[in-house]
Amino acid sequence: MAETSLEERMAKIEGAFSQIDQRLGRVEAELVTLRTELRREISSVREELKEEITAARDEVRSLYRMTLSVLIPMWVTIIGAIIGIALTR
């Protein structure tokens, strides 16, 4: 009788281990899928950020050049006016 209950117990344990193995296999597959999706999403976000940063840089450069194109002639005009005033005295 003790042997039968031991055999039954072992069978239950083997069944439980089999279920645990199947469940862990599914969890592992889900983790692999999740990791793949995360890597894809991170790459997508990085590409979008690169594009946005490039667009922002281009806009800043454009504004910088426009500002210089206004400021430099203004400075030259002011310095010319100062020199003209200084030479007429």
Protein backbone atom coordinates (compact mmCIF):
# COMPACT_ATOMS: atom_id res chain seq x y z
CA MET A 1 0.00 0.00 0.00
CA ALA A 2 2.81 2.39 0.82
CA GLU A 3 4.38 1.70 -2.58
CA THR A 4 1.18 2.56 -4.42
CA SER A 5 0.77 5.83 -2.64
CA LEU A 6 4.43 6.59 -3.30
CA GLU A 7 3.92 5.82 -6.97
CA GLU A 8 0.79 7.97 -7.03
CA ARG A 9 2.66 10.79 -5.38
CA MET A 10 5.50 10.51 -7.86
CA ALA A 11 3.01 10.54 -10.74
CA LYS A 12 1.40 13.69 -9.35
CA ILE A 13 4.79 15.33 -8.94
CA GLU A 14 5.79 14.38 -12.47
CA GLY A 15 2.50 15.79 -13.78
CA ALA A 16 3.05 19.01 -11.84
CA PHE A 17 6.59 19.33 -13.17
CA SER A 18 5.31 18.73 -16.69
CA GLN A 19 2.75 21.53 -16.26
CA ILE A 20 5.39 23.84 -14.78
CA ASP A 21 7.68 23.09 -17.70
CA GLN A 22 4.93 23.91 -20.22
CA ARG A 23 4.01 27.12 -18.40
CA LEU A 24 7.63 28.23 -18.18
CA GLY A 25 8.03 27.50 -21.88
CA ARG A 26 5.07 29.78 -22.65
CA VAL A 27 6.43 32.48 -20.33
CA GLU A 28 9.82 32.25 -22.04
CA ALA A 29 8.21 32.54 -25.48
CA GLU A 30 6.20 35.57 -24.31
CA LEU A 31 9.37 37.19 -22.95
CA VAL A 32 11.17 36.66 -26.23
CA THR A 33 8.22 38.18 -28.10
CA LEU A 34 8.05 41.10 -25.68
CA ARG A 35 11.79 41.71 -25.98
CA THR A 36 11.52 41.74 -29.77
CA GLU A 37 8.59 44.16 -29.69
CA LEU A 38 10.39 46.44 -27.23
CA ARG A 39 13.51 46.54 -29.37
CA ARG A 40 11.40 47.37 -32.42
CA GLU A 41 9.57 50.15 -30.56
CA ILE A 42 12.79 51.58 -29.14
CA SER A 43 14.34 51.63 -32.61
CA SER A 44 11.25 53.36 -33.97
CA VAL A 45 11.35 55.99 -31.23
CA ARG A 46 15.06 56.56 -31.80
CA GLU A 47 14.50 57.09 -35.52
CA GLU A 48 11.66 59.54 -34.83
CA LEU A 49 13.83 61.43 -32.34
CA LYS A 50 16.71 61.59 -34.82
CA GLU A 51 14.37 63.04 -37.43
CA GLU A 52 12.93 65.58 -34.98
CA ILE A 53 16.38 66.60 -33.76
CA THR A 54 17.59 67.03 -37.33
CA ALA A 55 14.55 69.17 -38.15
CA ALA A 56 15.10 71.27 -35.00
CA ARG A 57 18.78 71.76 -35.88
CA ASP A 58 17.87 72.87 -39.39
CA GLU A 59 15.33 75.32 -38.02
CA VAL A 60 17.80 76.75 -35.49
CA ARG A 61 20.44 77.13 -38.22
CA SER A 62 17.95 78.90 -40.44
CA LEU A 63 16.94 81.29 -37.66
CA TYR A 64 20.58 81.89 -36.76
CA ARG A 65 21.48 82.76 -40.35
CA MET A 66 18.47 85.02 -40.66
CA THR A 67 19.42 86.82 -37.44
CA LEU A 68 22.99 87.28 -38.64
CA SER A 69 21.77 88.54 -42.00
CA VAL A 70 19.90 91.29 -40.14
CA LEU A 71 22.43 92.05 -37.39
CA ILE A 72 25.62 92.28 -39.45
CA PRO A 73 24.32 94.97 -41.86
CA MET A 74 22.86 96.82 -38.87
CA TRP A 75 26.20 96.82 -37.07
CA VAL A 76 28.01 97.92 -40.20
CA THR A 77 25.53 100.77 -40.64
CA ILE A 78 25.91 101.89 -37.01
CA ILE A 79 29.71 101.74 -37.15
CA GLY A 80 29.65 103.61 -40.48
CA ALA A 81 27.41 106.28 -38.93
CA ILE A 82 29.73 106.61 -35.93
CA ILE A 83 32.78 106.89 -38.19
CA GLY A 84 30.96 109.42 -40.39
CA ILE A 85 30.05 111.53 -37.37
CA ALA A 86 33.59 111.30 -36.02
CA LEU A 87 35.12 112.40 -39.37
CA THR A 88 32.81 115.38 -39.80
CA ARG A 89 33.87 117.00 -36.53
